[in-house]
Amino acid sequence: MKTSELLARFRIDRPARFRLAGRACDETCGFDMGKDEAKAALEDDLERLSHLQERLYAHDRWAVLVILQGMDASGKDSAIKHVMSGINPQGCEVTSFKAPSAEELDHDFMWRHAMRLPTRGRIGIFNRSYYEEVLVVRVHPELLDRQRLPDSLAKAGVWRRRYSDICGFERHLVNNGTRVLKFFLHLSREEQSQRFLERLDDPEKHWKFNPGDIAERKLWNKYMAAYQDMIRHTSTPEAPWYVVPADDKWFCRMIIAAALVRTLEQLRPHYPPVDKSMLREMRKARKALLAE
């Protein structure tokens, strides 16, 4: 299967018809391979990604924003670790958004995210993002109360307004040179249970465990409904969602890497040309160095 066909399989181009329940969490499109084989397959894209990212940085015209959303233990952290392993740290920044601070709550819900957008020539990764405002805040409406919105704005229609605000924000980014890549890591409830058990059974993974994660599992159906609604309303031609099967970590990473490589290739970043006067200076410098 060609890369374009593979990505089209997981890109949501017709969001109005999207049903999360109709998407398999364990799909691998026939890529039945072990960890070593999958890692080798991923390496090809990582090498290409490294070259493209260097050109993006040198070209200094485009920026790329990568958004990773998913339930706890869906593999967001490991995707960042493996997919971005070959990227020059100077050209990439990862931001993990936690619960908003008192200062952040005094601003609109997009403010803290706008402050961390990537500059031209760089790749920015949001590990969770402003989409939490239509996910966890929707599942836990008491969090909306903490934002102290005027009563008329905190009632019916708040989620549709936020969908509209997000789509407008992303359209603005794209129109000003920032490409937006959005991935929902679609993890099954059964696989999440296994990964939580690994954290409990492996002393080296104890630090990853949060008792609150178990409480959130009880709200699984509410989260799935919120994710489905979010994708239906915010997957747009300029910033579509990719719903990536996440039960197989390596396949998930392959899809993310392939989408990022394809996006950078479409931008066609290149090294800036050197004018004639600079070429003369370079020849002089080379001659001087050889004469030492």
C-alpha atoms as a PDB file:
ATOM      1  CA  MET A   1       0.000   0.000   0.000  1.00  0.00           C
ATOM      2  CA  LYS A   2       1.357   3.415  -0.998  1.00  0.00           C
ATOM      3  CA  THR A   3       1.998   5.991   1.715  1.00  0.00           C
ATOM      4  CA  SER A   4      -0.679   8.311   0.293  1.00  0.00           C
ATOM      5  CA  GLU A   5      -3.256   5.493   0.416  1.00  0.00           C
ATOM      6  CA  LEU A   6      -2.196   4.528   3.919  1.00  0.00           C
ATOM      7  CA  LEU A   7      -2.563   8.066   5.227  1.00  0.00           C
ATOM      8  CA  ALA A   8      -5.873   8.589   3.426  1.00  0.00           C
ATOM      9  CA  ARG A   9      -7.208   5.559   5.292  1.00  0.00           C
ATOM     10  CA  PHE A  10      -6.791   7.336   8.625  1.00  0.00           C
ATOM     11  CA  ARG A  11      -7.379  10.963   7.593  1.00  0.00           C
ATOM     12  CA  ILE A  12     -10.909  12.178   8.316  1.00  0.00           C
ATOM     13  CA  ASP A  13     -12.013  13.912   5.124  1.00  0.00           C
ATOM     14  CA  ARG A  14     -15.765  13.463   5.694  1.00  0.00           C
ATOM     15  CA  PRO A  15     -16.184  14.368   9.355  1.00  0.00           C
ATOM     16  CA  ALA A  16     -19.956  14.683   9.309  1.00  0.00           C
ATOM     17  CA  ARG A  17     -20.193  10.912   8.790  1.00  0.00           C
ATOM     18  CA  PHE A  18     -17.452  10.001  11.234  1.00  0.00           C
ATOM     19  CA  ARG A  19     -18.163   7.281  13.797  1.00  0.00           C
ATOM     20  CA  LEU A  20     -15.440   6.477  16.296  1.00  0.00           C
ATOM     21  CA  ALA A  21     -16.953   3.063  17.004  1.00  0.00           C
ATOM     22  CA  GLY A  22     -16.416   2.163  13.356  1.00  0.00           C
ATOM     23  CA  ARG A  23     -12.646   2.562  13.688  1.00  0.00           C
ATOM     24  CA  ALA A  24     -10.541  -0.406  14.809  1.00  0.00           C
ATOM     25  CA  CYS A  25      -7.905   0.285  17.461  1.00  0.00           C
ATOM     26  CA  ASP A  26      -5.753  -2.696  16.482  1.00  0.00           C
ATOM     27  CA  GLU A  27      -5.629  -2.223  12.686  1.00  0.00           C
ATOM     28  CA  THR A  28      -2.167  -2.529  11.103  1.00  0.00           C
ATOM     29  CA  CYS A  29      -3.129  -2.664   7.387  1.00  0.00           C
ATOM     30  CA  GLY A  30      -1.354  -5.971   6.934  1.00  0.00           C
ATOM     31  CA  PHE A  31       1.901  -4.798   8.510  1.00  0.00           C
ATOM     32  CA  ASP A  32       2.314  -7.943  10.570  1.00  0.00           C
ATOM     33  CA  MET A  33       5.811  -7.448  11.923  1.00  0.00           C
ATOM     34  CA  GLY A  34       7.762  -7.737  15.108  1.00  0.00           C
ATOM     35  CA  LYS A  35       9.262  -4.861  17.034  1.00  0.00           C
ATOM     36  CA  ASP A  36      12.651  -5.079  15.269  1.00  0.00           C
ATOM     37  CA  GLU A  37      11.092  -5.135  11.786  1.00  0.00           C
ATOM     38  CA  ALA A  38       8.777  -2.259  12.606  1.00  0.00           C
ATOM     39  CA  LYS A  39      11.656  -0.252  14.034  1.00  0.00           C
ATOM     40  CA  ALA A  40      13.669  -0.807  10.853  1.00  0.00           C
ATOM     41  CA  ALA A  41      10.716   0.293   8.717  1.00  0.00           C
ATOM     42  CA  LEU A  42      10.362   3.426  10.825  1.00  0.00           C
ATOM     43  CA  GLU A  43      14.059   4.266  10.438  1.00  0.00           C
ATOM     44  CA  ASP A  44      13.640   5.049   6.726  1.00  0.00           C
ATOM     45  CA  ASP A  45      11.087   7.757   7.449  1.00  0.00           C
ATOM     46  CA  LEU A  46      13.131   9.096  10.368  1.00  0.00           C
ATOM     47  CA  GLU A  47      16.171   9.585   8.147  1.00  0.00           C
ATOM     48  CA  ARG A  48      14.058  11.419   5.584  1.00  0.00           C
ATOM     49  CA  LEU A  49      12.441  13.448   8.372  1.00  0.00           C
ATOM     50  CA  SER A  50      15.839  14.536   9.656  1.00  0.00           C
ATOM     51  CA  HIS A  51      16.858  15.932   6.239  1.00  0.00           C
ATOM     52  CA  LEU A  52      13.529  17.663   5.711  1.00  0.00           C
ATOM     53  CA  GLN A  53      13.569  19.235   9.159  1.00  0.00           C
ATOM     54  CA  GLU A  54      17.032  20.673   8.518  1.00  0.00           C
ATOM     55  CA  ARG A  55      15.768  22.246   5.297  1.00  0.00           C
ATOM     56  CA  LEU A  56      12.680  23.575   7.066  1.00  0.00           C
ATOM     57  CA  TYR A  57      14.936  25.236   9.640  1.00  0.00           C
ATOM     58  CA  ALA A  58      17.257  26.708   6.987  1.00  0.00           C
ATOM     59  CA  HIS A  59      14.396  27.849   4.745  1.00  0.00           C
ATOM     60  CA  ASP A  60      12.776  29.707   7.668  1.00  0.00           C
ATOM     61  CA  ARG A  61       9.422  30.247   5.947  1.00  0.00           C
ATOM     62  CA  TRP A  62       7.086  27.553   7.277  1.00  0.00           C
ATOM     63  CA  ALA A  63       6.305  26.201  10.722  1.00  0.00           C
ATOM     64  CA  VAL A  64       4.643  22.894  11.580  1.00  0.00           C
ATOM     65  CA  LEU A  65       2.395  22.282  14.585  1.00  0.00           C
ATOM     66  CA  VAL A  66       1.835  18.644  15.586  1.00  0.00           C
ATOM     67  CA  ILE A  67      -1.049  17.959  17.981  1.00  0.00           C
ATOM     68  CA  LEU A  68      -1.272  14.639  19.821  1.00  0.00           C
ATOM     69  CA  GLN A  69      -4.476  13.730  21.612  1.00  0.00           C
ATOM     70  CA  GLY A  70      -5.540  10.458  23.167  1.00  0.00           C
ATOM     71  CA  MET A  71      -6.593   8.714  26.329  1.00  0.00           C
ATOM     72  CA  ASP A  72      -4.055   8.053  29.078  1.00  0.00           C
ATOM     73  CA  ALA A  73      -1.458   5.437  28.046  1.00  0.00           C
ATOM     74  CA  SER A  74      -2.317   5.824  24.340  1.00  0.00           C
ATOM     75  CA  GLY A  75       1.371   6.321  23.506  1.00  0.00           C
ATOM     76  CA  LYS A  76       1.709  10.076  23.064  1.00  0.00           C
ATOM     77  CA  ASP A  77       4.990  10.321  24.997  1.00  0.00           C
ATOM     78  CA  SER A  78       6.569   7.314  23.289  1.00  0.00           C
ATOM     79  CA  ALA A  79       5.489   8.579  19.859  1.00  0.00           C
ATOM     80  CA  ILE A  80       7.311  11.842  20.544  1.00  0.00           C
ATOM     81  CA  LYS A  81      10.366   9.951  21.784  1.00  0.00           C
ATOM     82  CA  HIS A  82      10.649   7.640  18.779  1.00  0.00           C
ATOM     83  CA  VAL A  83       9.329   9.738  15.890  1.00  0.00           C
ATOM     84  CA  MET A  84      11.299  12.826  16.852  1.00  0.00           C
ATOM     85  CA  SER A  85      14.475  10.941  17.779  1.00  0.00           C
ATOM     86  CA  GLY A  86      16.375  12.067  14.702  1.00  0.00           C
ATOM     87  CA  ILE A  87      15.361  15.719  14.738  1.00  0.00           C
ATOM     88  CA  ASN A  88      17.765  18.488  15.683  1.00  0.00           C
ATOM     89  CA  PRO A  89      16.549  19.813  19.072  1.00  0.00           C
ATOM     90  CA  GLN A  90      17.204  23.385  17.886  1.00  0.00           C
ATOM     91  CA  GLY A  91      14.379  23.034  15.387  1.00  0.00           C
ATOM     92  CA  CYS A  92      11.790  21.322  17.571  1.00  0.00           C
ATOM     93  CA  GLU A  93       9.969  22.114  20.798  1.00  0.00           C
ATOM     94  CA  VAL A  94       7.617  19.863  22.781  1.00  0.00           C
ATOM     95  CA  THR A  95       4.998  21.363  25.083  1.00  0.00           C
ATOM     96  CA  SER A  96       2.986  19.200  27.464  1.00  0.00           C
ATOM     97  CA  PHE A  97      -0.046  21.074  28.716  1.00  0.00           C
ATOM     98  CA  LYS A  98      -1.161  20.328  32.260  1.00  0.00           C
ATOM     99  CA  ALA A  99      -4.019  21.812  34.273  1.00  0.00           C
ATOM    100  CA  PRO A 100      -4.139  25.599  33.691  1.00  0.00           C
ATOM    101  CA  SER A 101      -2.631  27.927  36.275  1.00  0.00           C
ATOM    102  CA  ALA A 102      -4.490  30.797  37.942  1.00  0.00           C
ATOM    103  CA  GLU A 103      -2.937  33.240  35.470  1.00  0.00           C
ATOM    104  CA  GLU A 104      -3.920  31.092  32.498  1.00  0.00           C
ATOM    105  CA  LEU A 105      -7.496  30.836  33.771  1.00  0.00           C
ATOM    106  CA  ASP A 106      -7.662  34.642  33.737  1.00  0.00           C
ATOM    107  CA  HIS A 107      -7.194  34.557  29.949  1.00  0.00           C
ATOM    108  CA  ASP A 108      -9.236  32.993  27.161  1.00  0.00           C
ATOM    109  CA  PHE A 109      -8.792  29.250  26.727  1.00  0.00           C
ATOM    110  CA  MET A 110      -6.512  29.609  23.660  1.00  0.00           C
ATOM    111  CA  TRP A 111      -4.100  32.095  25.241  1.00  0.00           C
ATOM    112  CA  ARG A 112      -1.545  29.729  26.774  1.00  0.00           C
ATOM    113  CA  HIS A 113      -1.433  27.628  23.617  1.00  0.00           C
ATOM    114  CA  ALA A 114      -0.921  30.614  21.337  1.00  0.00           C
ATOM    115  CA  MET A 115       2.085  31.560  23.469  1.00  0.00           C
ATOM    116  CA  ARG A 116       3.779  28.236  22.653  1.00  0.00           C
ATOM    117  CA  LEU A 117       3.241  28.083  18.913  1.00  0.00           C
ATOM    118  CA  PRO A 118       6.314  27.195  16.824  1.00  0.00           C
ATOM    119  CA  THR A 119       8.169  29.993  15.094  1.00  0.00           C
ATOM    120  CA  ARG A 120       9.047  29.827  11.403  1.00  0.00           C
ATOM    121  CA  GLY A 121      11.474  27.064  10.551  1.00  0.00           C
ATOM    122  CA  ARG A 122      10.517  24.931  13.545  1.00  0.00           C
ATOM    123  CA  ILE A 123       8.308  22.013  14.468  1.00  0.00           C
ATOM    124  CA  GLY A 124       6.167  22.420  17.578  1.00  0.00           C
ATOM    125  CA  ILE A 125       4.571  19.447  19.291  1.00  0.00           C
ATOM    126  CA  PHE A 126       1.620  19.823  21.615  1.00  0.00           C
ATOM    127  CA  ASN A 127       1.273  16.818  23.909  1.00  0.00           C
ATOM    128  CA  ARG A 128      -2.397  17.465  24.586  1.00  0.00           C
ATOM    129  CA  SER A 129      -3.592  20.873  23.504  1.00  0.00           C
ATOM    130  CA  TYR A 130      -6.448  23.366  23.385  1.00  0.00           C
ATOM    131  CA  TYR A 131      -8.627  20.401  22.413  1.00  0.00           C
ATOM    132  CA  GLU A 132      -8.722  19.480  26.097  1.00  0.00           C
ATOM    133  CA  GLU A 133     -11.152  22.397  26.378  1.00  0.00           C
ATOM    134  CA  VAL A 134     -13.776  20.404  24.469  1.00  0.00           C
ATOM    135  CA  LEU A 135     -12.774  17.039  25.948  1.00  0.00           C
ATOM    136  CA  VAL A 136     -11.891  16.917  29.646  1.00  0.00           C
ATOM    137  CA  VAL A 137     -13.727  20.198  30.322  1.00  0.00           C
ATOM    138  CA  ARG A 138     -16.808  18.770  28.632  1.00  0.00           C
ATOM    139  CA  VAL A 139     -16.612  15.508  30.583  1.00  0.00           C
ATOM    140  CA  HIS A 140     -15.968  17.464  33.796  1.00  0.00           C
ATOM    141  CA  PRO A 141     -18.208  20.560  33.507  1.00  0.00           C
ATOM    142  CA  GLU A 142     -17.064  21.779  36.925  1.00  0.00           C
ATOM    143  CA  LEU A 143     -13.805  22.759  35.198  1.00  0.00           C
ATOM    144  CA  LEU A 144     -15.729  25.195  33.045  1.00  0.00           C
ATOM    145  CA  ASP A 145     -16.947  26.935  36.197  1.00  0.00           C
ATOM    146  CA  ARG A 146     -13.314  27.636  37.161  1.00  0.00           C
ATOM    147  CA  GLN A 147     -12.917  29.693  33.986  1.00  0.00           C
ATOM    148  CA  ARG A 148     -15.457  32.236  35.277  1.00  0.00           C
ATOM    149  CA  LEU A 149     -17.073  32.913  31.922  1.00  0.00           C
ATOM    150  CA  PRO A 150     -20.012  35.319  31.843  1.00  0.00           C
ATOM    151  CA  ASP A 151     -23.221  33.400  32.508  1.00  0.00           C
ATOM    152  CA  SER A 152     -24.551  34.038  29.015  1.00  0.00           C
ATOM    153  CA  LEU A 153     -21.442  32.404  27.486  1.00  0.00           C
ATOM    154  CA  ALA A 154     -21.207  29.402  29.799  1.00  0.00           C
ATOM    155  CA  LYS A 155     -24.593  27.952  28.955  1.00  0.00           C
ATOM    156  CA  ALA A 156     -26.018  26.233  25.873  1.00  0.00           C
ATOM    157  CA  GLY A 157     -23.869  26.403  22.768  1.00  0.00           C
ATOM    158  CA  VAL A 158     -20.500  26.749  24.500  1.00  0.00           C
ATOM    159  CA  TRP A 159     -19.030  23.655  22.825  1.00  0.00           C
ATOM    160  CA  ARG A 160     -20.153  24.611  19.329  1.00  0.00           C
ATOM    161  CA  ARG A 161     -18.701  28.070  19.839  1.00  0.00           C
ATOM    162  CA  ARG A 162     -15.412  26.537  20.927  1.00  0.00           C
ATOM    163  CA  TYR A 163     -15.366  24.256  17.892  1.00  0.00           C
ATOM    164  CA  SER A 164     -15.868  27.325  15.740  1.00  0.00           C
ATOM    165  CA  ASP A 165     -13.135  29.247  17.580  1.00  0.00           C
ATOM    166  CA  ILE A 166     -10.687  26.357  17.165  1.00  0.00           C
ATOM    167  CA  CYS A 167     -11.400  26.001  13.445  1.00  0.00           C
ATOM    168  CA  GLY A 168     -10.942  29.747  12.984  1.00  0.00           C
ATOM    169  CA  PHE A 169      -7.694  29.687  14.957  1.00  0.00           C
ATOM    170  CA  GLU A 170      -6.272  26.840  12.883  1.00  0.00           C
ATOM    171  CA  ARG A 171      -7.363  28.499   9.646  1.00  0.00           C
ATOM    172  CA  HIS A 172      -5.505  31.606  10.764  1.00  0.00           C
ATOM    173  CA  LEU A 173      -2.367  29.550  11.469  1.00  0.00           C
ATOM    174  CA  VAL A 174      -2.451  27.849   8.077  1.00  0.00           C
ATOM    175  CA  ASN A 175      -3.035  31.166   6.284  1.00  0.00           C
ATOM    176  CA  ASN A 176       0.058  32.550   7.998  1.00  0.00           C
ATOM    177  CA  GLY A 177       2.468  29.720   7.263  1.00  0.00           C
ATOM    178  CA  THR A 178       1.929  27.161  10.030  1.00  0.00           C
ATOM    179  CA  ARG A 179       0.797  23.719   8.895  1.00  0.00           C
ATOM    180  CA  VAL A 180      -1.303  21.870  11.472  1.00  0.00           C
ATOM    181  CA  LEU A 181      -1.103  18.080  11.870  1.00  0.00           C
ATOM    182  CA  LYS A 182      -3.561  16.515  14.315  1.00  0.00           C
ATOM    183  CA  PHE A 183      -3.438  12.928  15.540  1.00  0.00           C
ATOM    184  CA  PHE A 184      -5.941  11.143  17.741  1.00  0.00           C
ATOM    185  CA  LEU A 185      -4.253   8.015  19.100  1.00  0.00           C
ATOM    186  CA  HIS A 186      -7.179   5.611  19.157  1.00  0.00           C
ATOM    187  CA  LEU A 187      -6.559   3.164  22.012  1.00  0.00           C
ATOM    188  CA  SER A 188      -8.910   0.391  23.055  1.00  0.00           C
ATOM    189  CA  ARG A 189     -10.121   0.145  26.640  1.00  0.00           C
ATOM    190  CA  GLU A 190      -8.645  -3.357  26.869  1.00  0.00           C
ATOM    191  CA  GLU A 191      -5.199  -2.258  25.739  1.00  0.00           C
ATOM    192  CA  GLN A 192      -5.266   0.677  28.144  1.00  0.00           C
ATOM    193  CA  SER A 193      -5.929  -1.778  30.962  1.00  0.00           C
ATOM    194  CA  GLN A 194      -2.904  -3.858  29.964  1.00  0.00           C
ATOM    195  CA  ARG A 195      -0.653  -0.796  29.847  1.00  0.00           C
ATOM    196  CA  PHE A 196      -1.846   0.341  33.267  1.00  0.00           C
ATOM    197  CA  LEU A 197      -1.088  -3.124  34.636  1.00  0.00           C
ATOM    198  CA  GLU A 198       2.426  -2.904  33.181  1.00  0.00           C
ATOM    199  CA  ARG A 199       2.932   0.359  35.040  1.00  0.00           C
ATOM    200  CA  LEU A 200       1.769  -1.254  38.262  1.00  0.00           C
ATOM    201  CA  ASP A 201       3.861  -4.417  37.831  1.00  0.00           C
ATOM    202  CA  ASP A 202       7.118  -2.867  36.591  1.00  0.00           C
ATOM    203  CA  PRO A 203       8.999  -0.836  39.264  1.00  0.00           C
ATOM    204  CA  GLU A 204      10.662   1.215  36.517  1.00  0.00           C
ATOM    205  CA  LYS A 205       7.229   2.341  35.318  1.00  0.00           C
ATOM    206  CA  HIS A 206       5.697   3.115  38.708  1.00  0.00           C
ATOM    207  CA  TRP A 207       6.416   6.809  38.201  1.00  0.00           C
ATOM    208  CA  LYS A 208       3.995   6.829  35.242  1.00  0.00           C
ATOM    209  CA  PHE A 209       1.032   5.665  37.309  1.00  0.00           C
ATOM    210  CA  ASN A 210      -1.555   8.185  38.429  1.00  0.00           C
ATOM    211  CA  PRO A 211      -4.505   7.000  40.567  1.00  0.00           C
ATOM    212  CA  GLY A 212      -6.657   9.533  38.757  1.00  0.00           C
ATOM    213  CA  ASP A 213      -6.233   7.549  35.540  1.00  0.00           C
ATOM    214  CA  ILE A 214      -8.344   4.740  36.982  1.00  0.00           C
ATOM    215  CA  ALA A 215     -11.119   7.154  37.885  1.00  0.00           C
ATOM    216  CA  GLU A 216     -11.091   8.537  34.330  1.00  0.00           C
ATOM    217  CA  ARG A 217     -11.522   5.016  32.922  1.00  0.00           C
ATOM    218  CA  LYS A 218     -14.994   4.939  34.447  1.00  0.00           C
ATOM    219  CA  LEU A 219     -15.870   7.866  32.166  1.00  0.00           C
ATOM    220  CA  TRP A 220     -14.683   6.089  29.005  1.00  0.00           C
ATOM    221  CA  ASN A 221     -17.968   6.311  27.118  1.00  0.00           C
ATOM    222  CA  LYS A 222     -18.285  10.028  27.843  1.00  0.00           C
ATOM    223  CA  TYR A 223     -14.765  10.614  26.557  1.00  0.00           C
ATOM    224  CA  MET A 224     -15.420   8.617  23.379  1.00  0.00           C
ATOM    225  CA  ALA A 225     -18.554  10.673  22.725  1.00  0.00           C
ATOM    226  CA  ALA A 226     -16.586  13.888  23.283  1.00  0.00           C
ATOM    227  CA  TYR A 227     -13.792  12.761  20.940  1.00  0.00           C
ATOM    228  CA  GLN A 228     -16.269  11.801  18.233  1.00  0.00           C
ATOM    229  CA  ASP A 229     -18.045  15.142  18.464  1.00  0.00           C
ATOM    230  CA  MET A 230     -14.715  16.991  18.457  1.00  0.00           C
ATOM    231  CA  ILE A 231     -13.487  15.230  15.317  1.00  0.00           C
ATOM    232  CA  ARG A 232     -16.806  15.744  13.530  1.00  0.00           C
ATOM    233  CA  HIS A 233     -16.677  19.491  14.142  1.00  0.00           C
ATOM    234  CA  THR A 234     -12.963  20.269  13.793  1.00  0.00           C
ATOM    235  CA  SER A 235     -11.605  18.036  11.019  1.00  0.00           C
ATOM    236  CA  THR A 236     -11.261  20.559   8.207  1.00  0.00           C
ATOM    237  CA  PRO A 237      -9.584  20.550   4.764  1.00  0.00           C
ATOM    238  CA  GLU A 238      -6.781  22.784   6.042  1.00  0.00           C
ATOM    239  CA  ALA A 239      -6.315  20.882   9.322  1.00  0.00           C
ATOM    240  CA  PRO A 240      -7.776  17.357   9.162  1.00  0.00           C
ATOM    241  CA  TRP A 241      -7.652  14.825  11.960  1.00  0.00           C
ATOM    242  CA  TYR A 242      -5.823  11.533  11.619  1.00  0.00           C
ATOM    243  CA  VAL A 243      -7.448   8.810  13.728  1.00  0.00           C
ATOM    244  CA  VAL A 244      -4.527   6.429  14.242  1.00  0.00           C
ATOM    245  CA  PRO A 245      -4.951   2.903  15.650  1.00  0.00           C
ATOM    246  CA  ALA A 246      -2.860   2.927  18.819  1.00  0.00           C
ATOM    247  CA  ASP A 247      -3.013  -0.619  20.174  1.00  0.00           C
ATOM    248  CA  ASP A 248       0.141  -1.407  18.176  1.00  0.00           C
ATOM    249  CA  LYS A 249       2.652   1.252  19.216  1.00  0.00           C
ATOM    250  CA  TRP A 250       5.033   0.751  16.304  1.00  0.00           C
ATOM    251  CA  PHE A 251       2.331   0.952  13.658  1.00  0.00           C
ATOM    252  CA  CYS A 252       1.020   4.111  15.315  1.00  0.00           C
ATOM    253  CA  ARG A 253       4.485   5.663  15.169  1.00  0.00           C
ATOM    254  CA  MET A 254       4.869   4.690  11.508  1.00  0.00           C
ATOM    255  CA  ILE A 255       1.668   6.535  10.586  1.00  0.00           C
ATOM    256  CA  ILE A 256       2.662   9.679  12.489  1.00  0.00           C
ATOM    257  CA  ALA A 257       6.138   9.697  10.928  1.00  0.00           C
ATOM    258  CA  ALA A 258       4.737   9.116   7.430  1.00  0.00           C
ATOM    259  CA  ALA A 259       2.237  11.965   7.786  1.00  0.00           C
ATOM    260  CA  LEU A 260       4.922  14.334   9.039  1.00  0.00           C
ATOM    261  CA  VAL A 261       7.311  13.402   6.222  1.00  0.00           C
ATOM    262  CA  ARG A 262       4.596  13.846   3.605  1.00  0.00           C
ATOM    263  CA  THR A 263       3.610  17.250   5.005  1.00  0.00           C
ATOM    264  CA  LEU A 264       7.210  18.499   4.957  1.00  0.00           C
ATOM    265  CA  GLU A 265       7.685  17.204   1.415  1.00  0.00           C
ATOM    266  CA  GLN A 266       4.609  19.158   0.312  1.00  0.00           C
ATOM    267  CA  LEU A 267       6.116  22.343   1.773  1.00  0.00           C
ATOM    268  CA  ARG A 268       9.238  21.788  -0.367  1.00  0.00           C
ATOM    269  CA  PRO A 269      11.648  23.505   2.038  1.00  0.00           C
ATOM    270  CA  HIS A 270      15.060  24.278   0.593  1.00  0.00           C
ATOM    271  CA  TYR A 271      18.355  25.773   1.607  1.00  0.00           C
ATOM    272  CA  PRO A 272      18.495  29.525   0.958  1.00  0.00           C
ATOM    273  CA  PRO A 273      20.478  30.458  -2.157  1.00  0.00           C
ATOM    274  CA  VAL A 274      23.851  32.158  -1.825  1.00  0.00           C
ATOM    275  CA  ASP A 275      24.383  35.295  -3.925  1.00  0.00           C
ATOM    276  CA  LYS A 276      27.462  35.968  -6.035  1.00  0.00           C
ATOM    277  CA  SER A 277      29.119  38.297  -3.559  1.00  0.00           C
ATOM    278  CA  MET A 278      28.868  35.702  -0.814  1.00  0.00           C
ATOM    279  CA  LEU A 279      30.247  33.030  -3.141  1.00  0.00           C
ATOM    280  CA  ARG A 280      33.286  35.263  -3.730  1.00  0.00           C
ATOM    281  CA  GLU A 281      33.747  35.655   0.019  1.00  0.00           C
ATOM    282  CA  MET A 282      33.479  31.901   0.457  1.00  0.00           C
ATOM    283  CA  ARG A 283      36.143  31.276  -2.168  1.00  0.00           C
ATOM    284  CA  LYS A 284      38.420  33.764  -0.420  1.00  0.00           C
ATOM    285  CA  ALA A 285      37.822  32.084   2.912  1.00  0.00           C
ATOM    286  CA  ARG A 286      38.560  28.654   1.440  1.00  0.00           C
ATOM    287  CA  LYS A 287      41.757  29.906  -0.128  1.00  0.00           C
ATOM    288  CA  ALA A 288      42.868  31.499   3.152  1.00  0.00           C
ATOM    289  CA  LEU A 289      42.184  28.330   5.113  1.00  0.00           C
ATOM    290  CA  LEU A 290      44.123  26.167   2.659  1.00  0.00           C
ATOM    291  CA  ALA A 291      47.050  28.569   2.792  1.00  0.00           C
ATOM    292  CA  GLU A 292      47.444  28.251   6.585  1.00  0.00           C
END
